[in-house]
Amino acid sequence: MELSITLVNLGYAIAGALLTLMFMMIGYKMFDRMTPFNTSKQLAEKNVAVGIVVGSIFIGLGIAIGLVIGMALN
């Protein structure tokens, strides 16, 4: 009985992590389209300001979506 509960929770955690990563990728693509410059090119050129902004987007999206998915799966 406890093994099945553990496996279900593991499945929920994996599903939540995959959904969070998917939404983070969508958020990055949306940010890339909204900006007048190529974000990937700027990151490759080691533009620190763009790196900080993209990192903060990932942190914000990860926290927000992770909490929403975590609450929904429990």
C-alpha atoms as a PDB file:
ATOM      1  CA  MET A   1       0.000   0.000   0.000  1.00  0.00           C
ATOM      2  CA  GLU A   2       2.697   2.509   0.929  1.00  0.00           C
ATOM      3  CA  LEU A   3       4.737   1.601  -2.142  1.00  0.00           C
ATOM      4  CA  SER A   4       1.814   2.471  -4.429  1.00  0.00           C
ATOM      5  CA  ILE A   5       1.368   5.849  -2.710  1.00  0.00           C
ATOM      6  CA  THR A   6       5.076   6.525  -3.108  1.00  0.00           C
ATOM      7  CA  LEU A   7       4.989   5.604  -6.794  1.00  0.00           C
ATOM      8  CA  VAL A   8       1.932   7.793  -7.422  1.00  0.00           C
ATOM      9  CA  ASN A   9       3.641  10.737  -5.698  1.00  0.00           C
ATOM     10  CA  LEU A  10       6.780  10.106  -7.749  1.00  0.00           C
ATOM     11  CA  GLY A  11       4.670  10.129 -10.911  1.00  0.00           C
ATOM     12  CA  TYR A  12       3.063  13.415  -9.851  1.00  0.00           C
ATOM     13  CA  ALA A  13       6.479  14.925  -9.155  1.00  0.00           C
ATOM     14  CA  ILE A  14       7.805  13.859 -12.560  1.00  0.00           C
ATOM     15  CA  ALA A  15       4.674  15.139 -14.318  1.00  0.00           C
ATOM     16  CA  GLY A  16       4.909  18.439 -12.458  1.00  0.00           C
ATOM     17  CA  ALA A  17       8.591  18.831 -13.311  1.00  0.00           C
ATOM     18  CA  LEU A  18       7.961  18.136 -17.003  1.00  0.00           C
ATOM     19  CA  LEU A  19       5.045  20.572 -17.135  1.00  0.00           C
ATOM     20  CA  THR A  20       7.099  23.237 -15.375  1.00  0.00           C
ATOM     21  CA  LEU A  21       9.964  22.825 -17.840  1.00  0.00           C
ATOM     22  CA  MET A  22       7.547  22.968 -20.759  1.00  0.00           C
ATOM     23  CA  PHE A  23       5.975  26.201 -19.491  1.00  0.00           C
ATOM     24  CA  MET A  24       9.422  27.678 -18.837  1.00  0.00           C
ATOM     25  CA  MET A  25      10.383  26.929 -22.437  1.00  0.00           C
ATOM     26  CA  ILE A  26       7.169  28.562 -23.670  1.00  0.00           C
ATOM     27  CA  GLY A  27       7.876  31.599 -21.481  1.00  0.00           C
ATOM     28  CA  TYR A  28      11.394  31.914 -22.891  1.00  0.00           C
ATOM     29  CA  LYS A  29      10.081  31.679 -26.466  1.00  0.00           C
ATOM     30  CA  MET A  30       7.479  34.373 -25.711  1.00  0.00           C
ATOM     31  CA  PHE A  31      10.158  36.632 -24.222  1.00  0.00           C
ATOM     32  CA  ASP A  32      12.385  36.046 -27.244  1.00  0.00           C
ATOM     33  CA  ARG A  33       9.585  37.086 -29.601  1.00  0.00           C
ATOM     34  CA  MET A  34       8.671  40.201 -27.583  1.00  0.00           C
ATOM     35  CA  THR A  35      12.189  41.630 -27.494  1.00  0.00           C
ATOM     36  CA  PRO A  36      13.652  43.476 -30.491  1.00  0.00           C
ATOM     37  CA  PHE A  37      16.911  41.495 -30.286  1.00  0.00           C
ATOM     38  CA  ASN A  38      17.821  37.832 -30.601  1.00  0.00           C
ATOM     39  CA  THR A  39      18.031  36.568 -27.034  1.00  0.00           C
ATOM     40  CA  SER A  40      19.989  33.431 -27.900  1.00  0.00           C
ATOM     41  CA  LYS A  41      22.580  35.448 -29.807  1.00  0.00           C
ATOM     42  CA  GLN A  42      22.946  37.904 -26.925  1.00  0.00           C
ATOM     43  CA  LEU A  43      23.418  35.040 -24.466  1.00  0.00           C
ATOM     44  CA  ALA A  44      26.039  33.499 -26.755  1.00  0.00           C
ATOM     45  CA  GLU A  45      27.862  36.844 -26.789  1.00  0.00           C
ATOM     46  CA  LYS A  46      27.871  36.717 -22.967  1.00  0.00           C
ATOM     47  CA  ASN A  47      25.596  39.723 -22.455  1.00  0.00           C
ATOM     48  CA  VAL A  48      25.279  39.767 -18.658  1.00  0.00           C
ATOM     49  CA  ALA A  49      22.156  41.959 -18.581  1.00  0.00           C
ATOM     50  CA  VAL A  50      20.230  39.589 -20.860  1.00  0.00           C
ATOM     51  CA  GLY A  51      21.466  36.633 -18.809  1.00  0.00           C
ATOM     52  CA  ILE A  52      20.180  38.163 -15.588  1.00  0.00           C
ATOM     53  CA  VAL A  53      16.780  38.911 -17.145  1.00  0.00           C
ATOM     54  CA  VAL A  54      16.426  35.419 -18.615  1.00  0.00           C
ATOM     55  CA  GLY A  55      17.520  33.863 -15.325  1.00  0.00           C
ATOM     56  CA  SER A  56      14.965  35.880 -13.399  1.00  0.00           C
ATOM     57  CA  ILE A  57      12.269  34.856 -15.869  1.00  0.00           C
ATOM     58  CA  PHE A  58      13.151  31.200 -15.293  1.00  0.00           C
ATOM     59  CA  ILE A  59      13.139  31.618 -11.525  1.00  0.00           C
ATOM     60  CA  GLY A  60       9.807  33.451 -11.531  1.00  0.00           C
ATOM     61  CA  LEU A  61       8.116  31.037 -13.904  1.00  0.00           C
ATOM     62  CA  GLY A  62       9.559  28.043 -12.102  1.00  0.00           C
ATOM     63  CA  ILE A  63       8.289  29.179  -8.713  1.00  0.00           C
ATOM     64  CA  ALA A  64       4.854  30.242  -9.937  1.00  0.00           C
ATOM     65  CA  ILE A  65       4.094  27.311 -12.206  1.00  0.00           C
ATOM     66  CA  GLY A  66       5.735  24.803  -9.884  1.00  0.00           C
ATOM     67  CA  LEU A  67       3.523  25.901  -7.015  1.00  0.00           C
ATOM     68  CA  VAL A  68       0.388  25.835  -9.135  1.00  0.00           C
ATOM     69  CA  ILE A  69       1.126  22.378 -10.498  1.00  0.00           C
ATOM     70  CA  GLY A  70       2.218  21.121  -7.088  1.00  0.00           C
ATOM     71  CA  MET A  71      -0.989  22.294  -5.466  1.00  0.00           C
ATOM     72  CA  ALA A  72      -3.111  20.883  -8.284  1.00  0.00           C
ATOM     73  CA  LEU A  73      -1.489  17.442  -8.111  1.00  0.00           C
ATOM     74  CA  ASN A  74      -1.874  17.043  -4.345  1.00  0.00           C
END
